PDB file of N, CA and C in Angstrom:
ATOM      1  N   MET A   1     137.777 117.885  48.270  1.00  0.00           N
ATOM      2  CA  MET A   1     137.305 118.935  47.388  1.00  0.00           C
ATOM      3  C   MET A   1     138.245 120.136  47.500  1.00  0.00           C
ATOM      4  N   ASN A   2     138.660 120.655  46.359  1.00  0.00           N
ATOM      5  CA  ASN A   2     139.527 121.819  46.343  1.00  0.00           C
ATOM      6  C   ASN A   2     138.713 123.096  46.521  1.00  0.00           C
ATOM      7  N   THR A   3     139.184 123.923  47.424  1.00  0.00           N
ATOM      8  CA  THR A   3     138.551 125.228  47.586  1.00  0.00           C
ATOM      9  C   THR A   3     139.329 126.235  46.752  1.00  0.00           C
ATOM     10  N   ALA A   4     138.747 127.416  46.588  1.00  0.00           N
ATOM     11  CA  ALA A   4     139.430 128.468  45.827  1.00  0.00           C
ATOM     12  C   ALA A   4     140.781 128.788  46.473  1.00  0.00           C
ATOM     13  N   LYS A   5     140.826 128.764  47.793  1.00  0.00           N
ATOM     14  CA  LYS A   5     142.073 129.051  48.508  1.00  0.00           C
ATOM     15  C   LYS A   5     143.136 127.992  48.204  1.00  0.00           C
ATOM     16  N   ASP A   6     142.742 126.724  48.179  1.00  0.00           N
ATOM     17  CA  ASP A   6     143.676 125.633  47.871  1.00  0.00           C
ATOM     18  C   ASP A   6     144.238 125.770  46.461  1.00  0.00           C
ATOM     19  N   ILE A   7     143.342 126.021  45.531  1.00  0.00           N
ATOM     20  CA  ILE A   7     143.761 126.142  44.124  1.00  0.00           C
ATOM     21  C   ILE A   7     144.695 127.341  43.955  1.00  0.00           C
ATOM     22  N   ARG A   8     144.333 128.459  44.584  1.00  0.00           N
ATOM     23  CA  ARG A   8     145.172 129.654  44.518  1.00  0.00           C
ATOM     24  C   ARG A   8     146.567 129.367  45.068  1.00  0.00           C
ATOM     25  N   SER A   9     146.647 128.623  46.184  1.00  0.00           N
ATOM     26  CA  SER A   9     147.945 128.275  46.779  1.00  0.00           C
ATOM     27  C   SER A   9     148.759 127.409  45.828  1.00  0.00           C
ATOM     28  N   ASP A  10     148.098 126.452  45.179  1.00  0.00           N
ATOM     29  CA  ASP A  10     148.795 125.586  44.219  1.00  0.00           C
ATOM     30  C   ASP A  10     149.360 126.399  43.053  1.00  0.00           C
ATOM     31  N   ILE A  11     148.563 127.322  42.558  1.00  0.00           N
ATOM     32  CA  ILE A  11     149.020 128.169  41.443  1.00  0.00           C
ATOM     33  C   ILE A  11     150.208 129.015  41.871  1.00  0.00           C
ATOM     34  N   LEU A  12     150.139 129.583  43.061  1.00  0.00           N
ATOM     35  CA  LEU A  12     151.252 130.410  43.551  1.00  0.00           C
ATOM     36  C   LEU A  12     152.530 129.589  43.714  1.00  0.00           C
ATOM     37  N   GLU A  13     152.412 128.352  44.190  1.00  0.00           N
ATOM     38  CA  GLU A  13     153.585 127.489  44.332  1.00  0.00           C
ATOM     39  C   GLU A  13     154.249 127.241  42.976  1.00  0.00           C
ATOM     40  N   ILE A  14     153.433 127.019  41.969  1.00  0.00           N
ATOM     41  CA  ILE A  14     153.980 126.806  40.623  1.00  0.00           C
ATOM     42  C   ILE A  14     154.632 128.089  40.118  1.00  0.00           C
ATOM     43  N   LEU A  15     153.969 129.217  40.306  1.00  0.00           N
ATOM     44  CA  LEU A  15     154.499 130.494  39.814  1.00  0.00           C
ATOM     45  C   LEU A  15     155.837 130.847  40.466  1.00  0.00           C
ATOM     46  N   ILE A  16     155.977 130.537  41.735  1.00  0.00           N
ATOM     47  CA  ILE A  16     157.221 130.846  42.448  1.00  0.00           C
ATOM     48  C   ILE A  16     158.408 130.105  41.826  1.00  0.00           C
ATOM     49  N   LYS A  17     158.146 128.930  41.270  1.00  0.00           N
ATOM     50  CA  LYS A  17     159.207 128.134  40.663  1.00  0.00           C
ATOM     51  C   LYS A  17     159.631 128.646  39.286  1.00  0.00           C
ATOM     52  N   VAL A  18     158.784 129.414  38.625  1.00  0.00           N
ATOM     53  CA  VAL A  18     159.077 129.896  37.270  1.00  0.00           C
ATOM     54  C   VAL A  18     160.033 131.075  37.351  1.00  0.00           C
ATOM     55  N   GLU A  19     161.130 131.001  36.571  1.00  0.00           N
ATOM     56  CA  GLU A  19     162.138 132.067  36.567  1.00  0.00           C
ATOM     57  C   GLU A  19     162.144 132.845  35.252  1.00  0.00           C
ATOM     58  N   ASP A  20     161.675 132.244  34.170  1.00  0.00           N
ATOM     59  CA  ASP A  20     161.728 132.867  32.852  1.00  0.00           C
ATOM     60  C   ASP A  20     160.687 133.994  32.760  1.00  0.00           C
ATOM     61  N   VAL A  21     161.180 135.185  32.417  1.00  0.00           N
ATOM     62  CA  VAL A  21     160.315 136.366  32.348  1.00  0.00           C
ATOM     63  C   VAL A  21     159.246 136.198  31.267  1.00  0.00           C
ATOM     64  N   ARG A  22     159.632 135.684  30.121  1.00  0.00           N
ATOM     65  CA  ARG A  22     158.659 135.515  29.032  1.00  0.00           C
ATOM     66  C   ARG A  22     157.550 134.540  29.422  1.00  0.00           C
ATOM     67  N   THR A  23     157.920 133.504  30.106  1.00  0.00           N
ATOM     68  CA  THR A  23     156.917 132.539  30.559  1.00  0.00           C
ATOM     69  C   THR A  23     155.959 133.195  31.542  1.00  0.00           C
ATOM     70  N   LEU A  24     156.494 133.974  32.470  1.00  0.00           N
ATOM     71  CA  LEU A  24     155.651 134.674  33.437  1.00  0.00           C
ATOM     72  C   LEU A  24     154.735 135.685  32.743  1.00  0.00           C
ATOM     73  N   GLU A  25     155.270 136.399  31.740  1.00  0.00           N
ATOM     74  CA  GLU A  25     154.436 137.349  30.998  1.00  0.00           C
ATOM     75  C   GLU A  25     153.310 136.624  30.270  1.00  0.00           C
ATOM     76  N   SER A  26     153.630 135.483  29.712  1.00  0.00           N
ATOM     77  CA  SER A  26     152.629 134.684  29.008  1.00  0.00           C
ATOM     78  C   SER A  26     151.541 134.200  29.973  1.00  0.00           C
ATOM     79  N   ILE A  27     151.954 133.747  31.131  1.00  0.00           N
ATOM     80  CA  ILE A  27     151.006 133.288  32.149  1.00  0.00           C
ATOM     81  C   ILE A  27     150.109 134.443  32.586  1.00  0.00           C
ATOM     82  N   ARG A  28     150.734 135.591  32.831  1.00  0.00           N
ATOM     83  CA  ARG A  28     149.952 136.763  33.252  1.00  0.00           C
ATOM     84  C   ARG A  28     148.924 137.133  32.193  1.00  0.00           C
ATOM     85  N   TYR A  29     149.346 137.134  30.926  1.00  0.00           N
ATOM     86  CA  TYR A  29     148.452 137.479  29.827  1.00  0.00           C
ATOM     87  C   TYR A  29     147.260 136.521  29.774  1.00  0.00           C
ATOM     88  N   GLU A  30     147.548 135.228  29.874  1.00  0.00           N
ATOM     89  CA  GLU A  30     146.475 134.232  29.819  1.00  0.00           C
ATOM     90  C   GLU A  30     145.538 134.350  31.021  1.00  0.00           C
ATOM     91  N   LEU A  31     146.098 134.578  32.195  1.00  0.00           N
ATOM     92  CA  LEU A  31     145.265 134.740  33.387  1.00  0.00           C
ATOM     93  C   LEU A  31     144.370 135.968  33.276  1.00  0.00           C
ATOM     94  N   GLU A  32     144.896 137.059  32.740  1.00  0.00           N
ATOM     95  CA  GLU A  32     144.090 138.270  32.561  1.00  0.00           C
ATOM     96  C   GLU A  32     142.944 138.022  31.588  1.00  0.00           C
ATOM     97  N   LYS A  33     143.229 137.284  30.496  1.00  0.00           N
ATOM     98  CA  LYS A  33     142.170 136.960  29.534  1.00  0.00           C
ATOM     99  C   LYS A  33     141.077 136.129  30.194  1.00  0.00           C
ATOM    100  N   ILE A  34     141.488 135.114  30.934  1.00  0.00           N
ATOM    101  CA  ILE A  34     140.525 134.235  31.601  1.00  0.00           C
ATOM    102  C   ILE A  34     139.701 135.024  32.620  1.00  0.00           C
ATOM    103  N   TYR A  35     140.386 135.882  33.374  1.00  0.00           N
ATOM    104  CA  TYR A  35     139.683 136.676  34.391  1.00  0.00           C
ATOM    105  C   TYR A  35     138.683 137.624  33.738  1.00  0.00           C
ATOM    106  N   GLN A  36     139.108 138.327  32.688  1.00  0.00           N
ATOM    107  CA  GLN A  36     138.210 139.261  32.003  1.00  0.00           C
ATOM    108  C   GLN A  36     137.005 138.532  31.424  1.00  0.00           C
ATOM    109  N   LYS A  37     137.225 137.334  30.888  1.00  0.00           N
ATOM    110  CA  LYS A  37     136.130 136.544  30.326  1.00  0.00           C
ATOM    111  C   LYS A  37     135.142 136.165  31.428  1.00  0.00           C
ATOM    112  N   SER A  38     135.655 135.761  32.586  1.00  0.00           N
ATOM    113  CA  SER A  38     134.763 135.361  33.677  1.00  0.00           C
ATOM    114  C   SER A  38     133.998 136.560  34.223  1.00  0.00           C
ATOM    115  N   VAL A  39     134.632 137.722  34.277  1.00  0.00           N
ATOM    116  CA  VAL A  39     133.944 138.929  34.732  1.00  0.00           C
ATOM    117  C   VAL A  39     132.868 139.301  33.715  1.00  0.00           C
ATOM    118  N   GLY A  40     133.188 139.203  32.434  1.00  0.00           N
ATOM    119  CA  GLY A  40     132.209 139.504  31.385  1.00  0.00           C
ATOM    120  C   GLY A  40     131.023 138.577  31.435  1.00  0.00           C
ATOM    121  N   GLN A  41     131.257 137.296  31.706  1.00  0.00           N
ATOM    122  CA  GLN A  41     130.157 136.332  31.801  1.00  0.00           C
ATOM    123  C   GLN A  41     129.273 136.640  32.998  1.00  0.00           C
ATOM    124  N   ALA A  42     129.888 137.065  34.096  1.00  0.00           N
ATOM    125  CA  ALA A  42     129.106 137.413  35.282  1.00  0.00           C
ATOM    126  C   ALA A  42     128.227 138.617  34.990  1.00  0.00           C
ATOM    127  N   GLU A  43     128.764 139.589  34.260  1.00  0.00           N
ATOM    128  CA  GLU A  43     127.978 140.765  33.893  1.00  0.00           C
ATOM    129  C   GLU A  43     126.862 140.377  32.937  1.00  0.00           C
ATOM    130  N   ASP A  44     127.147 139.453  31.998  1.00  0.00           N
ATOM    131  CA  ASP A  44     126.142 139.001  31.039  1.00  0.00           C
ATOM    132  C   ASP A  44     124.946 138.370  31.744  1.00  0.00           C
ATOM    133  N   LYS A  45     125.187 137.688  32.859  1.00  0.00           N
ATOM    134  CA  LYS A  45     124.104 137.024  33.570  1.00  0.00           C
ATOM    135  C   LYS A  45     123.165 138.033  34.227  1.00  0.00           C
ATOM    136  N   ARG A  46     123.670 139.230  34.539  1.00  0.00           N
ATOM    137  CA  ARG A  46     122.836 140.245  35.165  1.00  0.00           C
ATOM    138  C   ARG A  46     122.019 141.021  34.135  1.00  0.00           C
ATOM    139  N   ILE A  47     122.431 140.976  32.870  1.00  0.00           N
ATOM    140  CA  ILE A  47     121.752 141.721  31.821  1.00  0.00           C
ATOM    141  C   ILE A  47     120.801 140.783  31.091  1.00  0.00           C
ATOM    142  N   PRO A  48     119.530 141.179  30.919  1.00  0.00           N
ATOM    143  CA  PRO A  48     118.594 140.311  30.188  1.00  0.00           C
ATOM    144  C   PRO A  48     119.100 140.025  28.780  1.00  0.00           C
ATOM    145  N   ALA A  49     118.812 138.834  28.275  1.00  0.00           N
ATOM    146  CA  ALA A  49     119.330 138.399  26.972  1.00  0.00           C
ATOM    147  C   ALA A  49     118.926 139.335  25.847  1.00  0.00           C
ATOM    148  N   PHE A  50     117.706 139.878  25.888  1.00  0.00           N
ATOM    149  CA  PHE A  50     117.263 140.737  24.792  1.00  0.00           C
ATOM    150  C   PHE A  50     118.076 142.022  24.694  1.00  0.00           C
ATOM    151  N   MET A  51     118.741 142.414  25.774  1.00  0.00           N
ATOM    152  CA  MET A  51     119.519 143.657  25.762  1.00  0.00           C
ATOM    153  C   MET A  51     120.751 143.554  24.874  1.00  0.00           C
ATOM    154  N   LYS A  52     121.167 142.340  24.525  1.00  0.00           N
ATOM    155  CA  LYS A  52     122.310 142.178  23.633  1.00  0.00           C
ATOM    156  C   LYS A  52     122.000 142.738  22.252  1.00  0.00           C
ATOM    157  N   GLY A  53     120.722 142.770  21.894  1.00  0.00           N
ATOM    158  CA  GLY A  53     120.314 143.291  20.593  1.00  0.00           C
ATOM    159  C   GLY A  53     120.061 144.789  20.598  1.00  0.00           C
ATOM    160  N   VAL A  54     120.084 145.409  21.770  1.00  0.00           N
ATOM    161  CA  VAL A  54     119.815 146.841  21.866  1.00  0.00           C
ATOM    162  C   VAL A  54     121.082 147.619  21.528  1.00  0.00           C
ATOM    163  N   LYS A  55     120.936 148.544  20.626  1.00  0.00           N
ATOM    164  CA  LYS A  55     122.063 149.380  20.219  1.00  0.00           C
ATOM    165  C   LYS A  55     121.839 150.799  20.733  1.00  0.00           C
ATOM    166  N   PRO A  56     122.903 151.519  21.035  1.00  0.00           N
ATOM    167  CA  PRO A  56     122.732 152.886  21.516  1.00  0.00           C
ATOM    168  C   PRO A  56     122.154 153.784  20.418  1.00  0.00           C
ATOM    169  N   ILE A  57     121.434 154.793  20.846  1.00  0.00           N
ATOM    170  CA  ILE A  57     120.849 155.740  19.897  1.00  0.00           C
ATOM    171  C   ILE A  57     121.951 156.625  19.339  1.00  0.00           C
ATOM    172  N   ARG A  58     121.956 156.719  18.017  1.00  0.00           N
ATOM    173  CA  ARG A  58     122.940 157.577  17.369  1.00  0.00           C
ATOM    174  C   ARG A  58     122.440 159.013  17.405  1.00  0.00           C
ATOM    175  N   GLU A  59     123.343 159.918  17.585  1.00  0.00           N
ATOM    176  CA  GLU A  59     122.975 161.331  17.602  1.00  0.00           C
ATOM    177  C   GLU A  59     123.280 161.959  16.245  1.00  0.00           C
ATOM    178  N   ASN A  60     122.560 163.027  15.948  1.00  0.00           N
ATOM    179  CA  ASN A  60     122.763 163.804  14.720  1.00  0.00           C
ATOM    180  C   ASN A  60     122.604 162.971  13.456  1.00  0.00           C
ATOM    181  N   VAL A  61     121.587 162.124  13.435  1.00  0.00           N
ATOM    182  CA  VAL A  61     121.290 161.337  12.248  1.00  0.00           C
ATOM    183  C   VAL A  61     119.852 161.656  11.854  1.00  0.00           C
ATOM    184  N   THR A  62     119.620 161.842  10.573  1.00  0.00           N
ATOM    185  CA  THR A  62     118.277 162.191  10.111  1.00  0.00           C
ATOM    186  C   THR A  62     117.502 160.937   9.739  1.00  0.00           C
ATOM    187  N   LEU A  63     116.189 161.099   9.668  1.00  0.00           N
ATOM    188  CA  LEU A  63     115.336 160.000   9.260  1.00  0.00           C
ATOM    189  C   LEU A  63     115.687 159.560   7.844  1.00  0.00           C
ATOM    190  N   GLU A  64     116.005 160.503   6.984  1.00  0.00           N
ATOM    191  CA  GLU A  64     116.373 160.167   5.606  1.00  0.00           C
ATOM    192  C   GLU A  64     117.643 159.323   5.561  1.00  0.00           C
ATOM    193  N   GLN A  65     118.609 159.618   6.416  1.00  0.00           N
ATOM    194  CA  GLN A  65     119.838 158.833   6.469  1.00  0.00           C
ATOM    195  C   GLN A  65     119.536 157.392   6.908  1.00  0.00           C
ATOM    196  N   ILE A  66     118.672 157.260   7.902  1.00  0.00           N
ATOM    197  CA  ILE A  66     118.310 155.922   8.377  1.00  0.00           C
ATOM    198  C   ILE A  66     117.592 155.152   7.278  1.00  0.00           C
ATOM    199  N   LYS A  67     116.665 155.813   6.596  1.00  0.00           N
ATOM    200  CA  LYS A  67     115.947 155.156   5.498  1.00  0.00           C
ATOM    201  C   LYS A  67     116.914 154.695   4.420  1.00  0.00           C
ATOM    202  N   ALA A  68     117.879 155.526   4.081  1.00  0.00           N
ATOM    203  CA  ALA A  68     118.852 155.159   3.044  1.00  0.00           C
ATOM    204  C   ALA A  68     119.706 153.971   3.498  1.00  0.00           C
ATOM    205  N   GLU A  69     120.153 153.984   4.739  1.00  0.00           N
ATOM    206  CA  GLU A  69     120.981 152.892   5.261  1.00  0.00           C
ATOM    207  C   GLU A  69     120.230 151.560   5.282  1.00  0.00           C
ATOM    208  N   GLN A  70     118.937 151.627   5.555  1.00  0.00           N
ATOM    209  CA  GLN A  70     118.149 150.403   5.685  1.00  0.00           C
ATOM    210  C   GLN A  70     117.438 150.026   4.388  1.00  0.00           C
ATOM    211  N   ASN A  71     117.727 150.749   3.319  1.00  0.00           N
ATOM    212  CA  ASN A  71     117.092 150.467   2.017  1.00  0.00           C
ATOM    213  C   ASN A  71     115.567 150.488   2.135  1.00  0.00           C
ATOM    214  N   TYR A  72     115.040 151.449   2.851  1.00  0.00           N
ATOM    215  CA  TYR A  72     113.608 151.525   3.099  1.00  0.00           C
ATOM    216  C   TYR A  72     112.849 151.828   1.811  1.00  0.00           C
ATOM    217  N   LYS A  73     111.827 151.023   1.567  1.00  0.00           N
ATOM    218  CA  LYS A  73     110.950 151.233   0.413  1.00  0.00           C
ATOM    219  C   LYS A  73     109.522 151.222   0.940  1.00  0.00           C
ATOM    220  N   PRO A  74     108.842 152.358   0.904  1.00  0.00           N
ATOM    221  CA  PRO A  74     107.482 152.396   1.441  1.00  0.00           C
ATOM    222  C   PRO A  74     106.532 151.522   0.633  1.00  0.00           C
ATOM    223  N   VAL A  75     105.504 151.027   1.308  1.00  0.00           N
ATOM    224  CA  VAL A  75     104.490 150.190   0.681  1.00  0.00           C
ATOM    225  C   VAL A  75     103.137 150.861   0.904  1.00  0.00           C
ATOM    226  N   THR A  76     102.369 150.975  -0.145  1.00  0.00           N
ATOM    227  CA  THR A  76     101.039 151.563   0.004  1.00  0.00           C
ATOM    228  C   THR A  76     100.101 150.534   0.605  1.00  0.00           C
ATOM    229  N   TYR A  77      98.976 151.014   1.113  1.00  0.00           N
ATOM    230  CA  TYR A  77      97.996 150.109   1.689  1.00  0.00           C
ATOM    231  C   TYR A  77      97.463 149.153   0.634  1.00  0.00           C
ATOM    232  N   LYS A  78      97.254 149.640  -0.584  1.00  0.00           N
ATOM    233  CA  LYS A  78      96.745 148.780  -1.662  1.00  0.00           C
ATOM    234  C   LYS A  78      97.734 147.646  -1.953  1.00  0.00           C
ATOM    235  N   GLU A  79      99.044 147.959  -1.980  1.00  0.00           N
ATOM    236  CA  GLU A  79     100.050 146.917  -2.222  1.00  0.00           C
ATOM    237  C   GLU A  79     100.049 145.892  -1.087  1.00  0.00           C
ATOM    238  N   PHE A  80      99.940 146.393   0.131  1.00  0.00           N
ATOM    239  CA  PHE A  80      99.902 145.513   1.290  1.00  0.00           C
ATOM    240  C   PHE A  80      98.685 144.597   1.235  1.00  0.00           C
ATOM    241  N   ARG A  81      97.517 145.163   0.974  1.00  0.00           N
ATOM    242  CA  ARG A  81      96.287 144.382   0.914  1.00  0.00           C
ATOM    243  C   ARG A  81      96.361 143.328  -0.175  1.00  0.00           C
ATOM    244  N   LYS A  82      96.952 143.672  -1.320  1.00  0.00           N
ATOM    245  CA  LYS A  82      97.063 142.726  -2.431  1.00  0.00           C
ATOM    246  C   LYS A  82      97.831 141.476  -1.996  1.00  0.00           C
ATOM    247  N   VAL A  83      98.959 141.682  -1.308  1.00  0.00           N
ATOM    248  CA  VAL A  83      99.768 140.554  -0.830  1.00  0.00           C
ATOM    249  C   VAL A  83      99.036 139.817   0.289  1.00  0.00           C
ATOM    250  N   ALA A  84      98.442 140.550   1.218  1.00  0.00           N
ATOM    251  CA  ALA A  84      97.758 139.929   2.351  1.00  0.00           C
ATOM    252  C   ALA A  84      96.574 139.087   1.895  1.00  0.00           C
ATOM    253  N   ASP A  85      95.850 139.577   0.891  1.00  0.00           N
ATOM    254  CA  ASP A  85      94.686 138.827   0.405  1.00  0.00           C
ATOM    255  C   ASP A  85      95.080 137.530  -0.293  1.00  0.00           C
ATOM    256  N   GLN A  86      96.296 137.447  -0.784  1.00  0.00           N
ATOM    257  CA  GLN A  86      96.750 136.246  -1.483  1.00  0.00           C
ATOM    258  C   GLN A  86      97.277 135.174  -0.527  1.00  0.00           C
ATOM    259  N   MET A  87      97.454 135.532   0.738  1.00  0.00           N
ATOM    260  CA  MET A  87      98.010 134.579   1.702  1.00  0.00           C
ATOM    261  C   MET A  87      96.997 133.499   2.040  1.00  0.00           C
ATOM    262  N   GLU A  88      97.495 132.283   2.151  1.00  0.00           N
ATOM    263  CA  GLU A  88      96.676 131.147   2.552  1.00  0.00           C
ATOM    264  C   GLU A  88      96.913 130.891   4.041  1.00  0.00           C
ATOM    265  N   TRP A  89      95.851 130.827   4.807  1.00  0.00           N
ATOM    266  CA  TRP A  89      95.954 130.572   6.236  1.00  0.00           C
ATOM    267  C   TRP A  89      95.523 129.146   6.520  1.00  0.00           C
ATOM    268  N   GLU A  90      96.337 128.438   7.288  1.00  0.00           N
ATOM    269  CA  GLU A  90      95.988 127.080   7.692  1.00  0.00           C
ATOM    270  C   GLU A  90      95.087 127.087   8.915  1.00  0.00           C
ATOM    271  N   GLU A  91      95.204 128.131   9.734  1.00  0.00           N
ATOM    272  CA  GLU A  91      94.413 128.242  10.950  1.00  0.00           C
ATOM    273  C   GLU A  91      93.266 129.212  10.715  1.00  0.00           C
ATOM    274  N   SER A  92      92.222 129.047  11.522  1.00  0.00           N
ATOM    275  CA  SER A  92      91.106 129.992  11.453  1.00  0.00           C
ATOM    276  C   SER A  92      91.481 131.240  12.233  1.00  0.00           C
ATOM    277  N   LEU A  93      90.742 132.307  12.010  1.00  0.00           N
ATOM    278  CA  LEU A  93      90.982 133.547  12.737  1.00  0.00           C
ATOM    279  C   LEU A  93      90.849 133.324  14.242  1.00  0.00           C
ATOM    280  N   GLU A  94      89.893 132.508  14.650  1.00  0.00           N
ATOM    281  CA  GLU A  94      89.688 132.217  16.061  1.00  0.00           C
ATOM    282  C   GLU A  94      90.906 131.514  16.668  1.00  0.00           C
ATOM    283  N   GLU A  95      91.490 130.579  15.898  1.00  0.00           N
ATOM    284  CA  GLU A  95      92.681 129.876  16.396  1.00  0.00           C
ATOM    285  C   GLU A  95      93.868 130.815  16.520  1.00  0.00           C
ATOM    286  N   LEU A  96      94.023 131.724  15.575  1.00  0.00           N
ATOM    287  CA  LEU A  96      95.126 132.700  15.648  1.00  0.00           C
ATOM    288  C   LEU A  96      94.944 133.626  16.831  1.00  0.00           C
ATOM    289  N   LEU A  97      93.725 134.095  17.055  1.00  0.00           N
ATOM    290  CA  LEU A  97      93.469 134.967  18.195  1.00  0.00           C
ATOM    291  C   LEU A  97      93.689 134.237  19.508  1.00  0.00           C
ATOM    292  N   GLU A  98      93.299 132.979  19.575  1.00  0.00           N
ATOM    293  CA  GLU A  98      93.497 132.190  20.788  1.00  0.00           C
ATOM    294  C   GLU A  98      95.000 132.016  21.083  1.00  0.00           C
ATOM    295  N   ALA A  99      95.802 131.895  20.046  1.00  0.00           N
ATOM    296  CA  ALA A  99      97.240 131.685  20.218  1.00  0.00           C
ATOM    297  C   ALA A  99      97.940 132.892  20.837  1.00  0.00           C
ATOM    298  N   ILE A 100      97.390 134.077  20.646  1.00  0.00           N
ATOM    299  CA  ILE A 100      98.066 135.273  21.188  1.00  0.00           C
ATOM    300  C   ILE A 100      97.546 135.682  22.550  1.00  0.00           C
ATOM    301  N   LYS A 101      96.594 134.946  23.090  1.00  0.00           N
ATOM    302  CA  LYS A 101      96.067 135.273  24.428  1.00  0.00           C
ATOM    303  C   LYS A 101      97.046 134.869  25.494  1.00  0.00           C
TER     304      LYS A 101
END
């Protein structure tokens, strides 16, 4: 079984043999990408999955600006009730309440 130390030694032996600067720069670039990706994955594991959807709070933005950006259209209670009353439910109210317990 290869340990991290063994693998690191093998990589160093190969690198010592490389003389071309461009090749070494390319290797360094790829290693940095791989390392950054692995560090990012480790950080991702410490952060709960739902936090990926959390966005920072914007400062100096008005409610009207947010409404405009989100195409907000208010609905009256009468409009809501009209749509809600037309809905067909396959489950009984008791079954729906039991499902959320």
